[in-house]
Amino acid sequence: MNLNMVSLNANNSKAEKLITFTKCKDNNCIVNSVKDILNSMLELATSAVSGSDNEREEYNIQYVVYFKALNHIAEITENNSYSASSLGVSNTNLSSVSNATTAKNIVTSALSKVK
């Protein structure tokens, strides 16, 4: 039940990010939406490093939701440079400290690429 609630909350977050994105009228707004999603992913990866096993699994669910949101934005804008793969963001499982650390590094790098 706990994981289901986290999944629902993560989906609500995704909806909020995408609603913000759909109101965009220019490229600057789209870029800020992508950065917002990446920053959220970075926060999750940072939290996962010090989190319990259960927390890491919950963070992973949310991380995957944001990963998918990036791909939705790329598809809707027809701009592949916003896709997770083009940004170098992998669908990293945050269940271990090493993977959480790797995810942090990947997302930090991705943030520097968004222009």
Protein backbone atom coordinates (compact mmCIF):
# COMPACT_ATOMS: atom_id res chain seq x y z
CA MET A 1 0.00 0.00 0.00
CA ASN A 2 2.82 2.38 0.86
CA LEU A 3 4.48 1.92 -2.53
CA ASN A 4 1.13 2.40 -4.25
CA MET A 5 0.66 5.74 -2.49
CA VAL A 6 4.16 6.85 -3.49
CA SER A 7 3.42 5.83 -7.07
CA LEU A 8 0.23 7.91 -7.02
CA ASN A 9 2.09 10.88 -5.59
CA ALA A 10 4.82 10.49 -8.21
CA ASN A 11 2.21 10.42 -10.94
CA ASN A 12 0.65 13.59 -9.52
CA SER A 13 4.08 15.21 -9.61
CA LYS A 14 4.52 14.12 -13.20
CA ALA A 15 1.14 15.58 -14.08
CA GLU A 16 2.08 18.89 -12.45
CA LYS A 17 5.35 19.06 -14.35
CA LEU A 18 3.64 18.24 -17.63
CA ILE A 19 0.83 20.73 -16.97
CA THR A 20 3.48 23.41 -16.45
CA PHE A 21 5.14 22.29 -19.66
CA THR A 22 1.90 22.38 -21.68
CA LYS A 23 1.42 26.04 -20.73
CA CYS A 24 4.79 26.89 -22.27
CA LYS A 25 4.73 29.43 -25.07
CA ASP A 26 8.45 29.54 -25.79
CA ASN A 27 11.60 27.45 -25.71
CA ASN A 28 12.86 29.06 -22.50
CA CYS A 29 9.80 27.75 -20.64
CA ILE A 30 10.37 24.24 -22.05
CA VAL A 31 14.02 24.33 -21.00
CA ASN A 32 13.00 25.38 -17.48
CA SER A 33 10.48 22.51 -17.32
CA VAL A 34 13.18 20.03 -18.31
CA LYS A 35 15.57 21.49 -15.72
CA ASP A 36 12.84 21.27 -13.08
CA ILE A 37 12.36 17.58 -13.82
CA LEU A 38 16.12 16.94 -13.76
CA ASN A 39 16.48 18.78 -10.45
CA SER A 40 13.69 16.63 -9.02
CA MET A 41 15.54 13.51 -10.19
CA LEU A 42 18.75 14.82 -8.63
CA GLU A 43 16.99 15.38 -5.30
CA LEU A 44 15.65 11.82 -5.39
CA ALA A 45 19.08 10.37 -6.13
CA THR A 46 20.63 12.47 -3.35
CA SER A 47 18.00 11.28 -0.86
CA ALA A 48 18.44 7.68 -1.95
CA VAL A 49 22.10 7.71 -0.93
CA SER A 50 21.19 8.06 2.75
CA GLY A 51 17.77 6.40 2.62
CA SER A 52 16.64 3.00 3.84
CA ASP A 53 16.00 0.14 1.42
CA ASN A 54 12.26 0.88 1.41
CA GLU A 55 12.86 4.57 0.81
CA ARG A 56 15.21 3.81 -2.06
CA GLU A 57 12.57 1.67 -3.72
CA GLU A 58 10.06 4.50 -3.35
CA TYR A 59 12.56 7.01 -4.75
CA ASN A 60 13.15 4.69 -7.67
CA ILE A 61 9.43 4.67 -8.56
CA GLN A 62 9.39 8.47 -8.66
CA TYR A 63 12.69 8.64 -10.56
CA VAL A 64 11.24 6.41 -13.29
CA VAL A 65 8.15 8.65 -13.51
CA TYR A 66 10.35 11.69 -14.15
CA PHE A 67 12.43 9.68 -16.63
CA LYS A 68 9.23 8.99 -18.59
CA ALA A 69 8.16 12.64 -18.30
CA LEU A 70 11.36 13.74 -20.04
CA ASN A 71 10.63 11.39 -22.90
CA HIS A 72 7.04 12.69 -23.13
CA ILE A 73 8.31 16.26 -23.41
CA ALA A 74 10.80 15.25 -26.09
CA GLU A 75 8.07 13.49 -28.05
CA ILE A 76 5.53 16.32 -27.74
CA THR A 77 8.03 19.02 -28.73
CA GLU A 78 9.57 16.79 -31.41
CA ASN A 79 12.92 17.77 -29.92
CA ASN A 80 14.95 14.68 -29.13
CA SER A 81 17.58 16.73 -27.28
CA TYR A 82 15.16 16.75 -24.31
CA SER A 83 14.81 12.96 -24.20
CA ALA A 84 16.36 11.09 -21.31
CA SER A 85 18.67 9.13 -23.59
CA SER A 86 19.91 12.22 -25.44
CA LEU A 87 20.59 13.91 -22.10
CA GLY A 88 22.55 10.83 -21.03
CA VAL A 89 20.10 9.99 -18.25
CA SER A 90 19.73 6.27 -17.73
CA ASN A 91 16.74 4.60 -16.10
CA THR A 92 18.93 3.92 -13.07
CA ASN A 93 17.63 1.76 -10.25
CA LEU A 94 18.24 3.64 -6.99
CA SER A 95 18.11 0.57 -4.76
CA SER A 96 21.81 0.67 -3.91
CA VAL A 97 24.09 3.45 -2.74
CA SER A 98 26.44 3.03 -5.69
CA ASN A 99 23.59 3.29 -8.18
CA ALA A 100 22.15 6.30 -6.37
CA THR A 101 25.56 7.97 -6.55
CA THR A 102 25.82 7.10 -10.23
CA ALA A 103 22.35 8.55 -10.82
CA LYS A 104 23.38 11.80 -9.11
CA ASN A 105 26.41 12.09 -11.37
CA ILE A 106 24.38 11.34 -14.50
CA VAL A 107 21.66 13.87 -13.70
CA THR A 108 24.17 16.56 -12.67
CA SER A 109 25.85 16.11 -16.04
CA ALA A 110 22.49 16.21 -17.83
CA LEU A 111 21.59 19.52 -16.17
CA SER A 112 24.66 21.14 -17.67
CA LYS A 113 23.55 20.05 -21.16
CA VAL A 114 20.09 21.67 -21.07
CA LYS A 115 20.19 24.98 -22.91
